[in-house]
């Protein structure tokens, strides 16, 4: 397996990445921007867009331009989620 580099995320980016993972795990399809906004408790829909752009630029998600519900976690995104859920051993 290719060694994936994890680029640091802001707390808001981490929160939304976790929300994406949970939504996909529970519903088996990606959320809309409005659903992300509601789940994250954000008032500004533009903020969701900015975070999704940042997550995509950093390689944690992939989206298909012009297609609704097209967010997918990349291998890097899945690795980040799995590592963040593991308890520290030390």
C-alpha atoms as a PDB file:
ATOM      1  CA  UNK A   1       0.000   0.000   0.000  1.00  0.00           C
ATOM      2  CA  UNK A   2       1.171   3.498  -0.816  1.00  0.00           C
ATOM      3  CA  UNK A   3       2.314   5.551   2.165  1.00  0.00           C
ATOM      4  CA  UNK A   4      -0.295   8.302   2.545  1.00  0.00           C
ATOM      5  CA  UNK A   5       0.717  11.655   3.968  1.00  0.00           C
ATOM      6  CA  UNK A   6      -1.812  13.196   6.318  1.00  0.00           C
ATOM      7  CA  UNK A   7      -1.960  16.969   5.903  1.00  0.00           C
ATOM      8  CA  UNK A   8      -3.048  18.697   9.130  1.00  0.00           C
ATOM      9  CA  UNK A   9      -6.687  19.738   9.412  1.00  0.00           C
ATOM     10  CA  UNK A  10      -8.352  22.548  11.318  1.00  0.00           C
ATOM     11  CA  UNK A  11     -10.832  21.578  14.016  1.00  0.00           C
ATOM     12  CA  UNK A  12     -13.767  22.524  11.762  1.00  0.00           C
ATOM     13  CA  UNK A  13     -12.333  20.422   8.916  1.00  0.00           C
ATOM     14  CA  UNK A  14     -11.933  17.475  11.296  1.00  0.00           C
ATOM     15  CA  UNK A  15     -15.504  17.886  12.513  1.00  0.00           C
ATOM     16  CA  UNK A  16     -16.957  17.956   9.014  1.00  0.00           C
ATOM     17  CA  UNK A  17     -14.815  15.019   7.867  1.00  0.00           C
ATOM     18  CA  UNK A  18     -16.114  13.020  10.838  1.00  0.00           C
ATOM     19  CA  UNK A  19     -19.694  14.072  10.010  1.00  0.00           C
ATOM     20  CA  UNK A  20     -19.195  12.919   6.422  1.00  0.00           C
ATOM     21  CA  UNK A  21     -17.881   9.567   7.597  1.00  0.00           C
ATOM     22  CA  UNK A  22     -20.753   9.049  10.043  1.00  0.00           C
ATOM     23  CA  UNK A  23     -23.374  10.043   7.470  1.00  0.00           C
ATOM     24  CA  UNK A  24     -21.924   7.677   4.872  1.00  0.00           C
ATOM     25  CA  UNK A  25     -21.650   4.888   7.437  1.00  0.00           C
ATOM     26  CA  UNK A  26     -25.278   5.269   8.561  1.00  0.00           C
ATOM     27  CA  UNK A  27     -27.097   6.146   5.325  1.00  0.00           C
ATOM     28  CA  UNK A  28     -24.811   4.664   2.637  1.00  0.00           C
ATOM     29  CA  UNK A  29     -25.002   7.859   0.553  1.00  0.00           C
ATOM     30  CA  UNK A  30     -23.311  11.248   0.943  1.00  0.00           C
ATOM     31  CA  UNK A  31     -24.968  14.259   2.587  1.00  0.00           C
ATOM     32  CA  UNK A  32     -25.931  17.480   0.849  1.00  0.00           C
ATOM     33  CA  UNK A  33     -24.246  20.732   1.824  1.00  0.00           C
ATOM     34  CA  UNK A  34     -27.440  21.696   3.691  1.00  0.00           C
ATOM     35  CA  UNK A  35     -27.352  18.464   5.688  1.00  0.00           C
ATOM     36  CA  UNK A  36     -23.690  19.086   6.564  1.00  0.00           C
ATOM     37  CA  UNK A  37     -24.514  22.655   7.579  1.00  0.00           C
ATOM     38  CA  UNK A  38     -27.330  21.503   9.852  1.00  0.00           C
ATOM     39  CA  UNK A  39     -25.339  18.642  11.407  1.00  0.00           C
ATOM     40  CA  UNK A  40     -22.354  20.918  12.082  1.00  0.00           C
ATOM     41  CA  UNK A  41     -24.552  23.677  13.504  1.00  0.00           C
ATOM     42  CA  UNK A  42     -23.233  26.253  11.038  1.00  0.00           C
ATOM     43  CA  UNK A  43     -25.250  29.325  10.065  1.00  0.00           C
ATOM     44  CA  UNK A  44     -23.304  30.231   6.930  1.00  0.00           C
ATOM     45  CA  UNK A  45     -23.725  27.810   3.990  1.00  0.00           C
ATOM     46  CA  UNK A  46     -20.638  29.314   2.345  1.00  0.00           C
ATOM     47  CA  UNK A  47     -18.535  27.983   5.219  1.00  0.00           C
ATOM     48  CA  UNK A  48     -19.518  24.404   4.356  1.00  0.00           C
ATOM     49  CA  UNK A  49     -18.427  25.002   0.780  1.00  0.00           C
ATOM     50  CA  UNK A  50     -15.063  26.426   1.910  1.00  0.00           C
ATOM     51  CA  UNK A  51     -14.400  23.481   4.217  1.00  0.00           C
ATOM     52  CA  UNK A  52     -15.296  20.956   1.506  1.00  0.00           C
ATOM     53  CA  UNK A  53     -12.949  22.709  -0.942  1.00  0.00           C
ATOM     54  CA  UNK A  54     -10.156  22.595   1.657  1.00  0.00           C
ATOM     55  CA  UNK A  55     -10.773  18.903   2.406  1.00  0.00           C
ATOM     56  CA  UNK A  56     -10.709  18.101  -1.288  1.00  0.00           C
ATOM     57  CA  UNK A  57      -7.555  20.156  -1.887  1.00  0.00           C
ATOM     58  CA  UNK A  58      -5.841  18.332   0.994  1.00  0.00           C
ATOM     59  CA  UNK A  59      -6.859  14.956  -0.462  1.00  0.00           C
ATOM     60  CA  UNK A  60      -9.333  13.801   2.190  1.00  0.00           C
ATOM     61  CA  UNK A  61     -12.438  13.786  -0.014  1.00  0.00           C
ATOM     62  CA  UNK A  62     -13.330  13.662  -3.684  1.00  0.00           C
ATOM     63  CA  UNK A  63     -16.353  15.348  -5.278  1.00  0.00           C
ATOM     64  CA  UNK A  64     -17.770  15.262  -8.797  1.00  0.00           C
ATOM     65  CA  UNK A  65     -18.314  18.822  -9.975  1.00  0.00           C
ATOM     66  CA  UNK A  66     -21.957  19.629 -10.729  1.00  0.00           C
ATOM     67  CA  UNK A  67     -23.300  16.447  -9.160  1.00  0.00           C
ATOM     68  CA  UNK A  68     -25.255  16.421  -5.912  1.00  0.00           C
ATOM     69  CA  UNK A  69     -24.394  13.902  -3.200  1.00  0.00           C
ATOM     70  CA  UNK A  70     -21.066  13.079  -4.841  1.00  0.00           C
ATOM     71  CA  UNK A  71     -18.756  13.384  -1.799  1.00  0.00           C
ATOM     72  CA  UNK A  72     -16.539  10.363  -1.263  1.00  0.00           C
ATOM     73  CA  UNK A  73     -13.816   9.878   1.333  1.00  0.00           C
ATOM     74  CA  UNK A  74     -10.443   9.093  -0.218  1.00  0.00           C
ATOM     75  CA  UNK A  75      -8.023   6.541   1.192  1.00  0.00           C
ATOM     76  CA  UNK A  76      -6.387   9.436   3.043  1.00  0.00           C
ATOM     77  CA  UNK A  77      -9.720  10.491   4.547  1.00  0.00           C
ATOM     78  CA  UNK A  78     -10.529   6.958   5.665  1.00  0.00           C
ATOM     79  CA  UNK A  79      -7.053   6.573   7.148  1.00  0.00           C
ATOM     80  CA  UNK A  80      -7.415   9.844   9.064  1.00  0.00           C
ATOM     81  CA  UNK A  81     -10.765   8.752  10.511  1.00  0.00           C
ATOM     82  CA  UNK A  82      -9.480   5.301  11.489  1.00  0.00           C
ATOM     83  CA  UNK A  83      -6.349   6.710  13.128  1.00  0.00           C
ATOM     84  CA  UNK A  84      -8.268   9.390  14.988  1.00  0.00           C
ATOM     85  CA  UNK A  85     -10.587   6.750  16.449  1.00  0.00           C
ATOM     86  CA  UNK A  86      -7.823   4.493  17.767  1.00  0.00           C
ATOM     87  CA  UNK A  87      -6.996   4.984  21.448  1.00  0.00           C
ATOM     88  CA  UNK A  88      -3.482   6.077  22.288  1.00  0.00           C
ATOM     89  CA  UNK A  89      -1.412   3.194  23.561  1.00  0.00           C
ATOM     90  CA  UNK A  90       1.059   5.349  25.461  1.00  0.00           C
END
